[in-house]
N, C-alpha and C. Protein backbone atom coordinates (compact mmCIF):
# COMPACT_ATOMS: atom_id res chain seq x y z
N UNK A 1 0.57 -1.41 0.27
CA UNK A 1 -0.17 0.17 -0.24
C UNK A 1 0.78 1.24 -0.01
N UNK A 2 0.47 2.62 -1.03
CA UNK A 2 1.24 3.26 -1.07
C UNK A 2 0.86 4.27 0.10
N UNK A 3 1.66 4.82 0.41
CA UNK A 3 1.32 6.23 1.28
C UNK A 3 0.95 7.67 0.09
N UNK A 4 -0.39 8.06 0.95
CA UNK A 4 -0.83 9.33 -0.03
C UNK A 4 -0.41 10.51 0.86
N UNK A 5 -0.48 11.53 -0.02
CA UNK A 5 -0.24 12.70 0.98
C UNK A 5 -1.83 13.30 1.45
N UNK A 6 -2.05 13.80 2.36
CA UNK A 6 -3.12 14.39 2.67
C UNK A 6 -4.10 15.34 1.50
N UNK A 7 -2.87 16.02 1.22
CA UNK A 7 -3.27 16.40 -0.21
C UNK A 7 -4.30 15.99 -1.53
N UNK A 8 -3.35 14.77 -1.57
CA UNK A 8 -3.92 13.82 -2.67
C UNK A 8 -5.40 13.48 -2.32
N UNK A 9 -5.74 12.99 -0.80
CA UNK A 9 -7.18 12.19 0.02
C UNK A 9 -7.75 13.80 -0.52
N UNK A 10 -7.56 14.76 0.13
CA UNK A 10 -8.43 15.93 -0.25
C UNK A 10 -9.11 16.03 -1.34
N UNK A 11 -7.67 16.18 -2.35
CA UNK A 11 -8.55 16.33 -3.82
C UNK A 11 -9.38 15.42 -4.17
N UNK A 12 -9.19 14.45 -3.97
CA UNK A 12 -9.90 13.16 -4.41
C UNK A 12 -11.65 13.20 -4.15
N UNK A 13 -11.44 13.67 -2.52
CA UNK A 13 -12.76 13.95 -1.71
C UNK A 13 -13.31 15.11 -2.74
N UNK A 14 -12.60 16.37 -2.42
CA UNK A 14 -13.54 17.37 -3.40
C UNK A 14 -13.75 16.97 -4.73
N UNK A 15 -13.00 16.16 -5.38
CA UNK A 15 -13.65 15.58 -6.83
C UNK A 15 -14.65 14.71 -6.88
N UNK A 16 -14.80 14.11 -5.67
CA UNK A 16 -15.92 13.00 -5.71
C UNK A 16 -17.16 13.46 -5.28
N UNK A 17 -17.03 15.01 -4.77
CA UNK A 17 -18.09 15.57 -4.66
C UNK A 17 -18.81 16.54 -6.01
N UNK A 18 -18.05 16.75 -6.85
CA UNK A 18 -18.14 17.41 -7.78
C UNK A 18 -18.54 16.56 -9.01
N UNK A 19 -18.19 15.36 -8.65
CA UNK A 19 -18.71 14.54 -9.81
C UNK A 19 -20.28 14.35 -9.28
N UNK A 20 -20.45 13.78 -8.14
CA UNK A 20 -21.66 13.39 -7.65
C UNK A 20 -22.65 14.31 -7.79
N UNK A 21 -22.23 15.69 -7.30
CA UNK A 21 -23.12 16.89 -7.52
C UNK A 21 -23.35 16.99 -9.46
N UNK A 22 -22.78 17.38 -10.13
CA UNK A 22 -22.88 17.45 -11.50
C UNK A 22 -23.90 16.22 -11.66
N UNK A 23 -23.58 14.89 -11.91
CA UNK A 23 -24.46 13.88 -12.09
C UNK A 23 -25.49 14.09 -11.55
N UNK A 24 -25.87 14.24 -10.36
CA UNK A 24 -27.07 14.32 -9.75
C UNK A 24 -27.99 15.51 -10.32
N UNK A 25 -27.21 16.92 -10.20
CA UNK A 25 -27.99 18.06 -11.18
C UNK A 25 -27.87 17.76 -12.04
N UNK A 26 -27.22 17.17 -13.55
CA UNK A 26 -27.91 17.05 -14.60
C UNK A 26 -28.90 15.94 -15.14
N UNK A 27 -28.74 14.64 -14.11
CA UNK A 27 -30.03 13.79 -14.16
C UNK A 27 -31.13 14.17 -13.80
N UNK A 28 -31.30 15.04 -12.71
CA UNK A 28 -32.32 15.79 -12.30
C UNK A 28 -33.11 16.53 -13.07
N UNK A 29 -32.00 17.56 -13.70
CA UNK A 29 -32.31 18.48 -14.74
C UNK A 29 -32.90 18.02 -16.15
N UNK A 30 -32.52 16.87 -16.70
CA UNK A 30 -32.48 16.46 -17.90
C UNK A 30 -33.90 15.30 -17.98
N UNK A 31 -33.98 14.62 -16.44
CA UNK A 31 -35.13 14.00 -16.71
C UNK A 31 -36.34 14.02 -15.62
N UNK A 32 -35.94 15.46 -14.63
CA UNK A 32 -36.81 15.49 -13.57
C UNK A 32 -37.09 14.76 -12.73
N UNK A 33 -35.94 13.55 -12.45
CA UNK A 33 -36.03 12.62 -11.81
C UNK A 33 -35.49 12.88 -10.09
N UNK A 34 -35.35 12.34 -9.11
CA UNK A 34 -34.51 12.49 -8.19
C UNK A 34 -34.33 11.76 -7.17
N UNK A 35 -33.75 11.82 -6.17
CA UNK A 35 -33.77 10.85 -4.76
C UNK A 35 -33.13 9.60 -5.63
N UNK A 36 -33.92 8.41 -5.27
CA UNK A 36 -33.18 7.27 -5.71
C UNK A 36 -33.78 6.29 -6.80
N UNK A 37 -34.70 7.39 -7.72
CA UNK A 37 -35.33 7.01 -8.82
C UNK A 37 -34.15 6.78 -10.09
N UNK A 38 -33.68 7.88 -10.08
CA UNK A 38 -32.39 7.34 -11.43
C UNK A 38 -31.48 5.99 -11.12
N UNK A 39 -31.25 5.90 -10.03
CA UNK A 39 -30.29 4.62 -9.74
C UNK A 39 -31.59 3.50 -9.84
N UNK A 40 -32.54 3.61 -9.40
CA UNK A 40 -33.67 2.29 -9.10
C UNK A 40 -34.03 2.21 -10.57
N UNK A 41 -33.91 3.02 -11.75
CA UNK A 41 -34.68 2.62 -12.55
C UNK A 41 -33.30 1.95 -13.80
N UNK A 42 -32.16 2.61 -13.72
CA UNK A 42 -31.04 1.51 -13.86
C UNK A 42 -30.55 0.69 -13.46
N UNK A 43 -30.78 0.42 -12.19
CA UNK A 43 -30.43 -1.01 -11.99
C UNK A 43 -31.11 -2.18 -11.75
N UNK A 44 -32.80 -2.07 -12.04
CA UNK A 44 -33.88 -2.49 -12.42
C UNK A 44 -33.48 -3.36 -14.11
N UNK A 45 -33.04 -1.97 -14.72
CA UNK A 45 -32.53 -2.58 -16.24
C UNK A 45 -31.44 -3.15 -16.53
N UNK A 46 -30.89 -3.21 -15.32
CA UNK A 46 -29.81 -4.07 -15.38
C UNK A 46 -29.36 -5.32 -14.95
N UNK A 47 -30.36 -5.49 -14.38
CA UNK A 47 -30.41 -6.81 -13.55
C UNK A 47 -32.07 -7.44 -13.85
N UNK A 48 -32.31 -8.26 -14.87
CA UNK A 48 -33.70 -8.98 -15.07
C UNK A 48 -33.62 -9.64 -13.84
N UNK A 49 -35.13 -9.64 -13.45
CA UNK A 49 -36.19 -10.24 -12.87
C UNK A 49 -35.34 -9.90 -11.53
N UNK A 50 -34.66 -8.56 -10.90
CA UNK A 50 -34.46 -8.60 -9.57
C UNK A 50 -35.32 -8.35 -8.81
N UNK A 51 -35.37 -8.57 -7.47
CA UNK A 51 -36.03 -8.67 -6.60
C UNK A 51 -36.55 -7.35 -5.86
N UNK A 52 -37.04 -7.08 -5.09
CA UNK A 52 -37.58 -5.89 -4.09
C UNK A 52 -35.86 -5.97 -3.06
N UNK A 53 -36.28 -7.00 -2.32
CA UNK A 53 -34.90 -7.24 -1.35
C UNK A 53 -33.47 -6.64 -2.07
N UNK A 54 -33.32 -7.32 -3.34
CA UNK A 54 -31.77 -7.16 -4.08
C UNK A 54 -32.07 -5.75 -4.58
N UNK A 55 -32.86 -4.84 -5.00
CA UNK A 55 -33.12 -3.60 -5.32
C UNK A 55 -32.52 -2.86 -4.16
N UNK A 56 -33.23 -2.64 -3.06
CA UNK A 56 -32.76 -2.48 -1.84
C UNK A 56 -31.59 -2.61 -1.62
N UNK A 57 -31.22 -3.41 -1.62
CA UNK A 57 -29.46 -3.87 -1.38
C UNK A 57 -28.62 -2.53 -2.04
N UNK A 58 -29.11 -2.93 -3.64
CA UNK A 58 -28.20 -2.13 -4.54
C UNK A 58 -27.93 -0.47 -4.34
N UNK A 59 -29.50 0.09 -3.53
CA UNK A 59 -29.71 1.50 -3.39
C UNK A 59 -29.10 2.23 -1.59
N UNK A 60 -29.10 0.96 -1.18
CA UNK A 60 -28.93 1.06 0.54
C UNK A 60 -30.09 1.52 0.84
N UNK A 61 -31.38 1.42 0.78
CA UNK A 61 -32.71 1.68 0.95
C UNK A 61 -33.05 0.41 2.00
N UNK A 62 -34.31 1.33 2.93
CA UNK A 62 -35.04 0.13 3.89
C UNK A 62 -36.07 -0.03 3.15
N UNK A 63 -36.33 -1.50 3.92
CA UNK A 63 -37.39 -2.34 3.11
C UNK A 63 -38.67 -1.54 2.44
N UNK A 64 -39.38 -0.77 3.70
CA UNK A 64 -40.30 -0.04 3.28
C UNK A 64 -40.19 1.49 2.78
N UNK A 65 -39.05 1.84 2.33
CA UNK A 65 -38.56 2.89 1.52
C UNK A 65 -38.68 2.23 0.13
N UNK A 66 -37.66 1.31 -0.19
CA UNK A 66 -37.55 0.37 -1.04
C UNK A 66 -39.29 -0.12 -2.01
N UNK A 67 -40.02 -0.29 -0.93
CA UNK A 67 -41.50 -0.89 -1.71
C UNK A 67 -42.03 0.36 -2.20
N UNK A 68 -42.08 1.94 -0.97
CA UNK A 68 -42.83 3.02 -1.73
C UNK A 68 -42.19 3.52 -3.04
N UNK A 69 -40.54 3.41 -3.22
CA UNK A 69 -40.12 3.81 -4.28
C UNK A 69 -40.54 2.95 -5.78
N UNK A 70 -40.86 1.34 -5.20
CA UNK A 70 -41.46 0.73 -6.26
C UNK A 70 -42.70 1.10 -6.79
N UNK A 71 -43.52 1.53 -5.66
CA UNK A 71 -44.63 1.94 -5.70
C UNK A 71 -44.69 2.95 -6.91
N UNK A 72 -44.06 3.98 -6.16
CA UNK A 72 -43.59 5.07 -7.58
C UNK A 72 -43.59 4.84 -8.78
N UNK A 73 -42.32 3.89 -8.96
CA UNK A 73 -41.80 3.27 -10.67
C UNK A 73 -43.22 2.68 -11.37
N UNK A 74 -44.13 1.95 -10.69
CA UNK A 74 -45.09 1.26 -10.98
C UNK A 74 -45.88 2.54 -11.52
N UNK A 75 -46.80 3.34 -10.55
CA UNK A 75 -47.63 4.00 -10.70
C UNK A 75 -47.03 4.94 -12.30
N UNK A 76 -45.74 5.62 -12.23
CA UNK A 76 -45.51 6.13 -13.56
C UNK A 76 -45.61 5.56 -14.27
N UNK A 77 -45.58 4.34 -14.45
CA UNK A 77 -45.54 3.12 -16.05
C UNK A 77 -44.20 3.03 -16.35
N UNK A 78 -42.87 2.94 -15.46
CA UNK A 78 -41.77 3.00 -15.39
C UNK A 78 -41.40 1.43 -15.76
N UNK A 79 -41.76 0.97 -14.51
CA UNK A 79 -41.92 -0.70 -14.29
C UNK A 79 -42.77 -1.50 -13.74
N UNK A 80 -42.62 -3.00 -13.57
CA UNK A 80 -43.93 -3.64 -13.46
C UNK A 80 -43.31 -4.61 -12.55
N UNK A 81 -44.30 -5.16 -11.57
CA UNK A 81 -43.87 -5.97 -10.71
C UNK A 81 -44.43 -7.58 -11.40
N UNK A 82 -43.75 -8.79 -11.08
CA UNK A 82 -43.94 -9.73 -12.19
C UNK A 82 -44.01 -11.12 -10.73
N UNK A 83 -44.25 -12.05 -11.24
CA UNK A 83 -43.99 -13.08 -10.30
C UNK A 83 -42.69 -13.63 -9.99
N UNK A 84 -41.97 -13.59 -9.13
CA UNK A 84 -40.32 -13.97 -8.68
C UNK A 84 -40.26 -15.09 -9.31
N UNK A 85 -38.57 -15.24 -9.07
CA UNK A 85 -38.03 -16.74 -9.23
C UNK A 85 -38.25 -17.67 -8.36
N UNK A 86 -38.87 -17.31 -7.18
CA UNK A 86 -39.34 -18.00 -5.72
C UNK A 86 -40.46 -17.97 -5.66
N UNK A 87 -41.16 -18.86 -4.90
CA UNK A 87 -42.45 -18.61 -4.58
C UNK A 87 -42.53 -17.55 -3.46
N UNK A 88 -43.77 -17.03 -4.11
CA UNK A 88 -44.17 -15.83 -2.85
C UNK A 88 -43.34 -14.05 -3.01
N UNK A 89 -42.09 -14.56 -4.26
CA UNK A 89 -41.33 -13.54 -4.66
C UNK A 89 -41.78 -12.58 -5.79
N UNK A 90 -41.39 -11.44 -5.52
CA UNK A 90 -42.10 -10.09 -7.03
C UNK A 90 -40.70 -10.28 -7.82
N UNK A 91 -40.58 -9.94 -8.88
CA UNK A 91 -39.29 -9.78 -9.65
C UNK A 91 -39.68 -8.31 -10.41
N UNK A 92 -39.11 -7.43 -10.67
CA UNK A 92 -39.04 -6.03 -11.34
C UNK A 92 -38.80 -5.93 -12.53
N UNK A 93 -39.61 -5.36 -13.47
CA UNK A 93 -38.78 -5.01 -14.94
C UNK A 93 -39.53 -3.88 -15.29
N UNK A 94 -38.45 -3.22 -16.31
CA UNK A 94 -39.01 -1.74 -16.81
C UNK A 94 -39.80 -2.53 -17.91
N UNK A 95 -40.66 -1.14 -18.10
CA UNK A 95 -41.69 -1.15 -19.15
C UNK A 95 -40.41 -0.42 -20.37
N UNK A 96 -41.60 -0.77 -21.53
CA UNK A 96 -40.87 0.20 -22.42
C UNK A 96 -40.61 1.82 -22.28
N UNK A 97 -41.46 2.24 -21.26
CA UNK A 97 -41.08 3.67 -21.06
C UNK A 97 -40.30 3.91 -19.97
N UNK A 98 -39.95 2.37 -18.84
CA UNK A 98 -38.68 3.04 -18.11
C UNK A 98 -37.54 2.71 -18.96
N UNK A 99 -37.62 1.70 -20.13
CA UNK A 99 -36.47 1.79 -20.72
C UNK A 99 -35.84 2.96 -21.45
N UNK A 100 -36.61 3.78 -21.81
CA UNK A 100 -36.93 4.91 -22.45
C UNK A 100 -35.91 6.00 -20.95
N UNK A 101 -36.92 5.85 -20.31
CA UNK A 101 -36.28 7.15 -19.12
C UNK A 101 -34.75 6.62 -19.14
N UNK A 102 -34.31 5.37 -18.98
CA UNK A 102 -32.97 4.77 -18.33
C UNK A 102 -32.22 5.25 -19.23
N UNK A 103 -32.25 4.99 -20.68
CA UNK A 103 -31.72 6.00 -22.04
C UNK A 103 -31.56 7.60 -21.54
N UNK A 104 -32.21 8.27 -20.83
CA UNK A 104 -32.17 9.65 -20.66
C UNK A 104 -31.28 9.88 -19.11
N UNK A 105 -31.58 8.89 -18.40
CA UNK A 105 -30.51 8.77 -17.40
C UNK A 105 -29.05 8.68 -17.18
N UNK A 106 -28.93 7.47 -18.40
CA UNK A 106 -27.28 7.30 -18.85
C UNK A 106 -26.88 8.17 -19.33
N UNK A 107 -27.65 8.84 -20.55
CA UNK A 107 -26.89 9.61 -21.64
C UNK A 107 -26.74 11.05 -20.39
N UNK A 108 -27.31 11.56 -19.61
CA UNK A 108 -27.85 12.51 -18.75
C UNK A 108 -25.99 12.45 -18.19
N UNK A 109 -25.80 11.30 -17.50
CA UNK A 109 -25.09 10.97 -16.46
C UNK A 109 -23.54 11.30 -17.35
N UNK A 110 -23.64 10.41 -18.91
CA UNK A 110 -22.39 10.59 -19.36
C UNK A 110 -22.06 12.04 -19.91
N UNK A 111 -23.20 13.12 -19.93
CA UNK A 111 -22.64 14.22 -20.09
C UNK A 111 -21.86 15.03 -19.80
N UNK A 112 -22.46 14.72 -18.05
CA UNK A 112 -21.99 15.40 -16.58
C UNK A 112 -21.03 15.43 -16.81
N UNK A 113 -20.35 14.04 -16.83
CA UNK A 113 -19.12 13.31 -16.71
C UNK A 113 -17.96 13.89 -17.77
N UNK A 114 -18.41 13.90 -18.74
CA UNK A 114 -17.57 13.96 -19.99
C UNK A 114 -17.11 15.45 -19.77
N UNK A 115 -18.21 16.72 -19.41
CA UNK A 115 -17.97 17.81 -19.22
C UNK A 115 -17.00 18.07 -18.07
N UNK A 116 -17.07 17.35 -17.48
CA UNK A 116 -15.75 17.19 -16.18
C UNK A 116 -14.67 16.70 -16.59
N UNK A 117 -14.30 15.99 -17.39
CA UNK A 117 -12.92 15.31 -18.00
C UNK A 117 -12.38 15.96 -18.80
N UNK A 118 -13.45 16.83 -19.99
CA UNK A 118 -12.79 17.89 -20.96
C UNK A 118 -11.69 18.60 -20.99
N UNK A 119 -11.41 19.48 -19.52
CA UNK A 119 -10.33 20.01 -19.44
C UNK A 119 -8.71 19.24 -19.39
N UNK A 120 -9.09 17.72 -19.58
CA UNK A 120 -7.68 16.86 -19.31
C UNK A 120 -7.46 16.79 -21.01
N UNK A 121 -6.28 16.69 -20.84
CA UNK A 121 -6.04 16.15 -22.61
C UNK A 121 -6.06 14.54 -22.50
N UNK A 122 -5.70 13.95 -23.94
CA UNK A 122 -6.11 12.46 -23.79
C UNK A 122 -5.17 11.32 -22.84
N UNK A 123 -3.86 12.12 -22.98
CA UNK A 123 -2.79 11.17 -21.83
C UNK A 123 -3.44 11.60 -20.68
N UNK A 124 -4.02 12.45 -19.97
CA UNK A 124 -4.09 12.83 -18.62
C UNK A 124 -5.67 11.82 -18.52
N UNK A 125 -6.63 12.04 -19.27
CA UNK A 125 -8.02 11.27 -19.17
C UNK A 125 -7.55 9.69 -19.26
N UNK A 126 -6.61 9.50 -19.96
CA UNK A 126 -6.38 7.58 -20.12
C UNK A 126 -5.47 7.59 -18.91
N UNK A 127 -4.77 8.16 -18.02
CA UNK A 127 -4.61 8.11 -16.82
C UNK A 127 -4.83 7.89 -15.74
N UNK A 128 -6.04 9.13 -15.71
CA UNK A 128 -7.21 8.82 -14.73
C UNK A 128 -8.17 7.48 -14.65
N UNK A 129 -8.51 7.52 -16.16
CA UNK A 129 -8.96 5.97 -16.26
C UNK A 129 -8.27 4.60 -15.70
N UNK A 130 -7.20 4.64 -15.94
CA UNK A 130 -6.09 3.64 -15.52
C UNK A 130 -6.35 3.46 -13.78
N UNK A 131 -6.31 4.71 -13.29
CA UNK A 131 -5.74 5.15 -11.83
C UNK A 131 -7.49 4.42 -11.36
N UNK A 132 -8.61 5.07 -11.70
CA UNK A 132 -10.02 4.70 -11.48
C UNK A 132 -10.14 3.54 -11.34
N UNK A 133 -9.69 2.47 -12.77
CA UNK A 133 -9.90 1.22 -12.80
C UNK A 133 -9.05 0.30 -11.44
N UNK A 134 -8.10 1.03 -11.30
CA UNK A 134 -7.04 0.14 -10.30
C UNK A 134 -7.87 0.38 -8.79
N UNK A 135 -8.33 1.81 -8.63
CA UNK A 135 -9.30 1.53 -7.54
C UNK A 135 -10.48 1.32 -7.37
N UNK A 136 -10.97 1.03 -8.40
CA UNK A 136 -12.35 0.29 -8.29
C UNK A 136 -12.31 -0.84 -8.29
N UNK A 137 -11.24 -1.52 -8.53
CA UNK A 137 -11.12 -3.03 -8.89
C UNK A 137 -10.94 -3.41 -7.36
N UNK A 138 -10.40 -2.46 -6.54
CA UNK A 138 -9.93 -2.71 -4.97
C UNK A 138 -11.00 -2.62 -4.46
N UNK A 139 -12.20 -1.99 -4.68
CA UNK A 139 -13.15 -1.77 -3.64
C UNK A 139 -13.91 -3.07 -3.81
N UNK A 140 -13.90 -3.89 -4.99
CA UNK A 140 -14.62 -5.11 -5.50
C UNK A 140 -13.52 -5.94 -4.77
N UNK A 141 -12.50 -5.85 -4.53
CA UNK A 141 -11.65 -7.37 -3.80
C UNK A 141 -11.95 -7.09 -2.28
N UNK A 142 -12.22 -5.57 -1.97
CA UNK A 142 -12.49 -5.22 -0.49
C UNK A 142 -14.01 -5.89 -0.34
N UNK A 143 -14.67 -6.33 -0.91
CA UNK A 143 -15.98 -7.14 -0.70
C UNK A 143 -17.26 -5.66 -1.07
N UNK A 144 -16.71 -4.94 -1.60
CA UNK A 144 -17.64 -4.06 -2.03
C UNK A 144 -19.01 -4.47 -3.13
N UNK A 145 -20.17 -4.07 -2.74
CA UNK A 145 -21.05 -4.55 -3.77
C UNK A 145 -20.89 -4.08 -5.22
N UNK A 146 -20.63 -4.73 -6.15
CA UNK A 146 -20.73 -4.25 -7.68
C UNK A 146 -21.82 -3.52 -7.81
N UNK A 147 -23.13 -4.17 -7.78
CA UNK A 147 -24.62 -3.39 -7.55
C UNK A 147 -24.57 -2.37 -7.19
N UNK A 148 -23.92 -2.06 -6.09
CA UNK A 148 -24.32 -0.89 -5.42
C UNK A 148 -23.28 0.21 -5.97
N UNK A 149 -22.07 0.01 -6.16
CA UNK A 149 -21.21 1.31 -6.77
C UNK A 149 -21.38 1.28 -8.14
N UNK A 150 -22.07 0.71 -9.19
CA UNK A 150 -22.23 0.23 -10.39
C UNK A 150 -23.82 0.96 -10.71
N UNK A 151 -24.68 1.78 -9.55
CA UNK A 151 -25.88 1.68 -9.94
C UNK A 151 -26.18 2.69 -10.85
N UNK A 152 -25.21 3.54 -11.20
CA UNK A 152 -25.94 4.31 -12.46
C UNK A 152 -24.72 4.22 -13.30
N UNK A 153 -24.26 3.08 -13.78
CA UNK A 153 -23.08 2.56 -15.05
C UNK A 153 -24.09 2.17 -16.03
N UNK A 154 -23.32 2.88 -17.36
CA UNK A 154 -24.02 1.94 -18.47
C UNK A 154 -22.95 0.74 -18.63
N UNK A 155 -23.63 -0.06 -18.17
CA UNK A 155 -23.06 -1.35 -18.39
C UNK A 155 -22.35 -1.96 -19.52
N UNK A 156 -23.18 -1.41 -20.61
CA UNK A 156 -22.70 -1.62 -22.15
C UNK A 156 -21.08 -1.04 -22.05
N UNK A 157 -20.93 -0.22 -21.68
CA UNK A 157 -19.30 0.76 -21.57
C UNK A 157 -18.54 -0.37 -21.37
N UNK A 158 -18.30 -0.93 -20.33
CA UNK A 158 -17.34 -1.66 -19.05
C UNK A 158 -17.19 -3.00 -19.75
N UNK A 159 -16.52 -3.47 -20.68
CA UNK A 159 -16.69 -4.90 -20.96
C UNK A 159 -16.18 -5.64 -20.28
N UNK A 160 -15.11 -5.18 -19.29
CA UNK A 160 -14.87 -5.58 -17.95
C UNK A 160 -15.00 -4.72 -16.55
N UNK A 161 -16.17 -5.48 -15.74
CA UNK A 161 -16.41 -4.16 -14.80
C UNK A 161 -15.08 -4.20 -14.10
N UNK A 162 -14.23 -3.59 -13.46
CA UNK A 162 -13.25 -3.60 -12.51
C UNK A 162 -13.79 -4.15 -11.09
N UNK A 163 -14.83 -3.30 -10.83
CA UNK A 163 -15.37 -4.02 -9.41
C UNK A 163 -16.13 -5.28 -9.08
N UNK A 164 -16.46 -5.74 -10.05
CA UNK A 164 -17.62 -7.10 -10.21
C UNK A 164 -16.01 -8.27 -10.40
N UNK A 165 -14.95 -7.70 -11.04
CA UNK A 165 -13.70 -8.12 -11.21
C UNK A 165 -13.01 -8.51 -9.86
N UNK A 166 -13.22 -7.31 -8.93
CA UNK A 166 -12.30 -7.21 -7.75
C UNK A 166 -13.16 -8.31 -6.69
N UNK A 167 -14.35 -8.07 -7.05
CA UNK A 167 -15.65 -8.85 -6.01
C UNK A 167 -14.99 -10.57 -6.63
N UNK A 168 -14.93 -10.69 -7.82
CA UNK A 168 -15.01 -12.29 -8.22
C UNK A 168 -13.67 -12.65 -7.42
N UNK A 169 -12.81 -12.13 -7.22
CA UNK A 169 -11.43 -12.35 -7.11
C UNK A 169 -11.00 -12.68 -5.37
N UNK A 170 -11.91 -11.82 -4.75
CA UNK A 170 -12.34 -11.70 -3.27
C UNK A 170 -13.28 -12.91 -3.04
N UNK A 171 -13.51 -13.40 -3.53
CA UNK A 171 -14.38 -14.85 -3.40
C UNK A 171 -15.69 -14.43 -3.09
N UNK A 172 -16.40 -13.68 -4.14
CA UNK A 172 -17.88 -13.15 -3.79
C UNK A 172 -18.59 -13.63 -4.73
N UNK A 173 -19.48 -14.11 -5.13
CA UNK A 173 -20.11 -14.22 -6.84
C UNK A 173 -20.29 -12.94 -7.92
N UNK A 174 -19.71 -13.42 -8.65
CA UNK A 174 -20.20 -12.65 -9.68
C UNK A 174 -21.23 -11.57 -9.90
N UNK A 175 -21.24 -10.40 -9.84
CA UNK A 175 -22.15 -9.13 -10.22
C UNK A 175 -22.37 -8.91 -11.39
N UNK A 176 -22.38 -9.52 -12.63
CA UNK A 176 -22.30 -9.15 -13.58
C UNK A 176 -23.71 -9.19 -14.16
N UNK A 177 -24.18 -8.32 -14.90
CA UNK A 177 -25.63 -8.06 -15.37
C UNK A 177 -25.99 -9.20 -15.84
N UNK A 178 -27.41 -9.31 -15.55
CA UNK A 178 -27.91 -10.42 -15.85
C UNK A 178 -29.00 -10.13 -17.32
N UNK A 179 -28.67 -9.18 -17.83
CA UNK A 179 -29.45 -8.73 -19.00
C UNK A 179 -30.62 -7.46 -18.79
N UNK A 180 -30.33 -6.70 -20.32
CA UNK A 180 -31.42 -5.85 -20.12
C UNK A 180 -32.93 -5.89 -20.62
């Protein structure tokens, strides 16, 4: 493990807030959706037949909060409940309107992040990408949940998810998307 300066840690902390604020602001402005709704839609779209409990874990919400969120998604016409894989369980699926909303959320997130890295030249952007891949791989290796970390990710962009790969190496089950 490398010793990093307090300044580097401070810069990473500040940068993480810049990214989080930009993604939140842009996705809310572009879609009109706030709170956990964007991440819920993206997660449901990425993991076919996901249960409410699995969604709860990915979003870090309480069980009652997740049920209320799912009720809202269903009422808006973005998601539907289906019989689950196991008896007395419910699986979630996106409707066509929900899939369209996911595309809007992911596109807004991508625009926000691209704007933030625009000042970097290609070499610096590639170096940042490599450093982030190593850092994310380590988070997966430490048993971090790929579904939670990647809850707003565009799954098709990452051919190999560094978080899921790190999780696999830690002895965790792979968290590769089950399809859209």
